[in-house]
Structures are given as C-alpha cells and as structure tokens.
C-alpha cells in the first residue's frame, strides 16, 4: 500500500504522518515500508498512526 492509498482510506492521518516526517505530497507514491524507512520510523509506528486516525 502506498502513502496515497492509505490517505484515501484514512485522510485524518495526514497530520500524524507529517509529524513523523513522512512526505505525504510528493512522496505519496512510496510504499508504507519505504516511507517509514525514509522518515526513520518503524513500519509498526507508521501503521499505528494510521490505525489511530481511523479510530478517531
């Protein structure tokens, strides 16, 4: 799944991802794995932020 695909499902996650240093605009085509690595966070941390935004 890419950042763009994740944000289509969980648009409220944009702020949390940007706070972690994940590029949500120009880097939106990156996979979650690649985006996490580039931002210096674990995939688990990135996934937790997505799920937390889903749950409100």
C-alpha atoms as a PDB file:
ATOM      1  CA  UNK A   1       0.000   0.000   0.000  1.00  0.00           C
ATOM      2  CA  UNK A   2       1.250   3.463  -0.822  1.00  0.00           C
ATOM      3  CA  UNK A   3       1.008   6.615   1.265  1.00  0.00           C
ATOM      4  CA  UNK A   4      -1.605   7.969  -1.176  1.00  0.00           C
ATOM      5  CA  UNK A   5      -3.702   4.805  -0.886  1.00  0.00           C
ATOM      6  CA  UNK A   6      -3.511   4.910   2.913  1.00  0.00           C
ATOM      7  CA  UNK A   7      -4.555   8.555   2.995  1.00  0.00           C
ATOM      8  CA  UNK A   8      -7.546   7.818   0.764  1.00  0.00           C
ATOM      9  CA  UNK A   9      -8.702   5.345   3.420  1.00  0.00           C
ATOM     10  CA  UNK A  10      -7.630   7.403   6.443  1.00  0.00           C
ATOM     11  CA  UNK A  11      -7.420  11.080   5.466  1.00  0.00           C
ATOM     12  CA  UNK A  12      -7.265  12.154   9.108  1.00  0.00           C
ATOM     13  CA  UNK A  13      -3.818  10.525   9.336  1.00  0.00           C
ATOM     14  CA  UNK A  14      -2.105  13.217   7.269  1.00  0.00           C
ATOM     15  CA  UNK A  15      -1.106  15.321  10.276  1.00  0.00           C
ATOM     16  CA  UNK A  16       0.284  12.372  12.221  1.00  0.00           C
ATOM     17  CA  UNK A  17       2.281  11.147   9.229  1.00  0.00           C
ATOM     18  CA  UNK A  18       3.705  14.594   8.520  1.00  0.00           C
ATOM     19  CA  UNK A  19       4.649  14.968  12.208  1.00  0.00           C
ATOM     20  CA  UNK A  20       6.718  11.772  11.836  1.00  0.00           C
ATOM     21  CA  UNK A  21       8.473  13.208   8.800  1.00  0.00           C
ATOM     22  CA  UNK A  22       6.575  11.147   6.227  1.00  0.00           C
ATOM     23  CA  UNK A  23       6.259  13.009   2.915  1.00  0.00           C
ATOM     24  CA  UNK A  24       2.549  12.924   2.116  1.00  0.00           C
ATOM     25  CA  UNK A  25       2.565  15.013  -1.038  1.00  0.00           C
ATOM     26  CA  UNK A  26       5.486  14.399  -3.378  1.00  0.00           C
ATOM     27  CA  UNK A  27       6.316  11.098  -1.669  1.00  0.00           C
ATOM     28  CA  UNK A  28       2.753   9.837  -1.784  1.00  0.00           C
ATOM     29  CA  UNK A  29       3.548   7.063  -4.256  1.00  0.00           C
ATOM     30  CA  UNK A  30       6.047   5.486  -1.859  1.00  0.00           C
ATOM     31  CA  UNK A  31       5.105   2.286  -0.113  1.00  0.00           C
ATOM     32  CA  UNK A  32       4.407   2.447   3.599  1.00  0.00           C
ATOM     33  CA  UNK A  33       7.595   0.457   4.191  1.00  0.00           C
ATOM     34  CA  UNK A  34       9.746   2.830   2.150  1.00  0.00           C
ATOM     35  CA  UNK A  35       8.128   5.936   3.624  1.00  0.00           C
ATOM     36  CA  UNK A  36       8.682   4.674   7.170  1.00  0.00           C
ATOM     37  CA  UNK A  37      12.318   3.898   6.466  1.00  0.00           C
ATOM     38  CA  UNK A  38      12.919   7.294   4.863  1.00  0.00           C
ATOM     39  CA  UNK A  39      11.297   9.043   7.855  1.00  0.00           C
ATOM     40  CA  UNK A  40      13.360   6.986  10.309  1.00  0.00           C
ATOM     41  CA  UNK A  41      10.394   5.311  11.981  1.00  0.00           C
ATOM     42  CA  UNK A  42       9.362   1.688  12.108  1.00  0.00           C
ATOM     43  CA  UNK A  43       6.593   0.355   9.929  1.00  0.00           C
ATOM     44  CA  UNK A  44       4.759  -0.572  13.152  1.00  0.00           C
ATOM     45  CA  UNK A  45       4.864   3.070  14.294  1.00  0.00           C
ATOM     46  CA  UNK A  46       3.566   4.314  10.962  1.00  0.00           C
ATOM     47  CA  UNK A  47       0.824   1.684  10.887  1.00  0.00           C
ATOM     48  CA  UNK A  48      -0.205   2.533  14.451  1.00  0.00           C
ATOM     49  CA  UNK A  49      -0.635   6.188  13.443  1.00  0.00           C
ATOM     50  CA  UNK A  50      -2.865   5.159  10.535  1.00  0.00           C
ATOM     51  CA  UNK A  51      -4.984   2.919  12.723  1.00  0.00           C
ATOM     52  CA  UNK A  52      -5.245   5.521  15.486  1.00  0.00           C
ATOM     53  CA  UNK A  53      -6.565   8.060  12.983  1.00  0.00           C
ATOM     54  CA  UNK A  54      -9.110   5.530  11.773  1.00  0.00           C
ATOM     55  CA  UNK A  55     -10.364   5.021  15.313  1.00  0.00           C
ATOM     56  CA  UNK A  56     -10.702   8.750  15.839  1.00  0.00           C
END
